[in-house]
Every structure is written in structure tokens, then in C-alpha cells.
C-alpha atoms as a PDB file:
ATOM      1  CA  UNK A   1       8.840  19.636 -11.794  1.00  0.00           C
ATOM      2  CA  UNK A   2       9.125  17.910  -8.402  1.00  0.00           C
ATOM      3  CA  UNK A   3       6.591  15.159  -7.885  1.00  0.00           C
ATOM      4  CA  UNK A   4       7.349  14.252  -4.256  1.00  0.00           C
ATOM      5  CA  UNK A   5       4.651  12.188  -2.445  1.00  0.00           C
ATOM      6  CA  UNK A   6       4.532  12.227   1.244  1.00  0.00           C
ATOM      7  CA  UNK A   7       4.718   8.775   2.672  1.00  0.00           C
ATOM      8  CA  UNK A   8       2.861   8.196   5.710  1.00  0.00           C
ATOM      9  CA  UNK A   9       1.410   5.062   7.433  1.00  0.00           C
ATOM     10  CA  UNK A  10      -1.437   3.489   5.653  1.00  0.00           C
ATOM     11  CA  UNK A  11      -4.031   0.786   6.118  1.00  0.00           C
ATOM     12  CA  UNK A  12      -5.136  -1.505   3.160  1.00  0.00           C
ATOM     13  CA  UNK A  13      -8.360   0.576   2.842  1.00  0.00           C
ATOM     14  CA  UNK A  14      -6.655   3.985   2.288  1.00  0.00           C
ATOM     15  CA  UNK A  15      -4.014   2.382  -0.158  1.00  0.00           C
ATOM     16  CA  UNK A  16      -7.226   0.776  -2.064  1.00  0.00           C
ATOM     17  CA  UNK A  17      -8.679   4.317  -2.224  1.00  0.00           C
ATOM     18  CA  UNK A  18      -5.478   6.004  -3.597  1.00  0.00           C
ATOM     19  CA  UNK A  19      -5.305   3.390  -6.426  1.00  0.00           C
ATOM     20  CA  UNK A  20      -9.064   3.364  -7.055  1.00  0.00           C
ATOM     21  CA  UNK A  21      -9.638  -0.280  -6.445  1.00  0.00           C
ATOM     22  CA  UNK A  22     -11.524  -2.282  -3.858  1.00  0.00           C
ATOM     23  CA  UNK A  23      -9.784  -3.753  -0.721  1.00  0.00           C
ATOM     24  CA  UNK A  24     -10.197  -7.220  -2.243  1.00  0.00           C
ATOM     25  CA  UNK A  25      -8.080  -6.212  -5.225  1.00  0.00           C
ATOM     26  CA  UNK A  26      -5.516  -4.319  -3.272  1.00  0.00           C
ATOM     27  CA  UNK A  27      -5.084  -7.342  -0.858  1.00  0.00           C
ATOM     28  CA  UNK A  28      -4.495  -9.698  -4.118  1.00  0.00           C
ATOM     29  CA  UNK A  29      -1.991  -7.311  -5.507  1.00  0.00           C
ATOM     30  CA  UNK A  30      -0.170  -7.244  -2.227  1.00  0.00           C
ATOM     31  CA  UNK A  31      -0.306 -11.067  -1.732  1.00  0.00           C
ATOM     32  CA  UNK A  32       0.947 -11.317  -5.396  1.00  0.00           C
ATOM     33  CA  UNK A  33       3.868  -8.932  -4.675  1.00  0.00           C
ATOM     34  CA  UNK A  34       4.708 -10.696  -1.416  1.00  0.00           C
ATOM     35  CA  UNK A  35       3.818  -7.407   0.550  1.00  0.00           C
ATOM     36  CA  UNK A  36       0.697  -8.254   2.302  1.00  0.00           C
ATOM     37  CA  UNK A  37       0.594  -7.845   6.001  1.00  0.00           C
ATOM     38  CA  UNK A  38      -1.605 -10.131   7.911  1.00  0.00           C
ATOM     39  CA  UNK A  39      -3.852  -8.810  10.689  1.00  0.00           C
ATOM     40  CA  UNK A  40      -1.834 -10.545  13.254  1.00  0.00           C
ATOM     41  CA  UNK A  41       1.193  -8.195  12.464  1.00  0.00           C
ATOM     42  CA  UNK A  42      -1.275  -5.040  12.711  1.00  0.00           C
ATOM     43  CA  UNK A  43      -3.383  -2.953  10.584  1.00  0.00           C
ATOM     44  CA  UNK A  44      -1.073  -0.237   9.656  1.00  0.00           C
ATOM     45  CA  UNK A  45       1.755  -0.401   6.893  1.00  0.00           C
ATOM     46  CA  UNK A  46       4.785   1.727   8.153  1.00  0.00           C
ATOM     47  CA  UNK A  47       5.989   4.465   5.691  1.00  0.00           C
ATOM     48  CA  UNK A  48       8.882   2.194   4.833  1.00  0.00           C
ATOM     49  CA  UNK A  49       6.373  -0.577   3.798  1.00  0.00           C
ATOM     50  CA  UNK A  50       4.231   1.830   1.923  1.00  0.00           C
ATOM     51  CA  UNK A  51       7.391   2.974   0.048  1.00  0.00           C
ATOM     52  CA  UNK A  52       7.958  -0.571  -0.955  1.00  0.00           C
ATOM     53  CA  UNK A  53       4.449  -0.882  -2.012  1.00  0.00           C
ATOM     54  CA  UNK A  54       4.645   2.411  -4.069  1.00  0.00           C
ATOM     55  CA  UNK A  55       7.957   1.126  -5.695  1.00  0.00           C
ATOM     56  CA  UNK A  56       6.243  -2.153  -6.856  1.00  0.00           C
ATOM     57  CA  UNK A  57       2.803  -0.943  -7.853  1.00  0.00           C
ATOM     58  CA  UNK A  58       3.948   2.650  -9.025  1.00  0.00           C
ATOM     59  CA  UNK A  59       2.880   6.040  -7.263  1.00  0.00           C
ATOM     60  CA  UNK A  60      -0.998   6.231  -6.853  1.00  0.00           C
END
């Protein structure tokens, strides 16, 4: 069984949808994990940043 997930650039809304939570909840999870990216740094999380999020929160 090979459960590879294709990791692409994501914004907070798409991440929240994958985890079935609100944007506010996703933001609080990312802040707590020290993974939140302020708007001044851009709206998209790079694939490398998304991988860190998946590693911390678990695969969606």
C-alpha cells in the first residue's frame, strides 16, 4: 500500500479545507506550531512549508 501525497503550494484556505476546519482554526493551529506565515511574507505556503505542516499536523 503506497499512500504518497502530492505536495503542492497551498494557501491557508485550501489547507483548512483539507483538514475540514475553518480558516480561523487552521490559523490558530499554525500559530501554535510556529508555522504561521504572515500575509507580508505571501499568501502561499511553499511545498517545503506544506510538508512541515503535514509532518506536524499529520496527513489530511
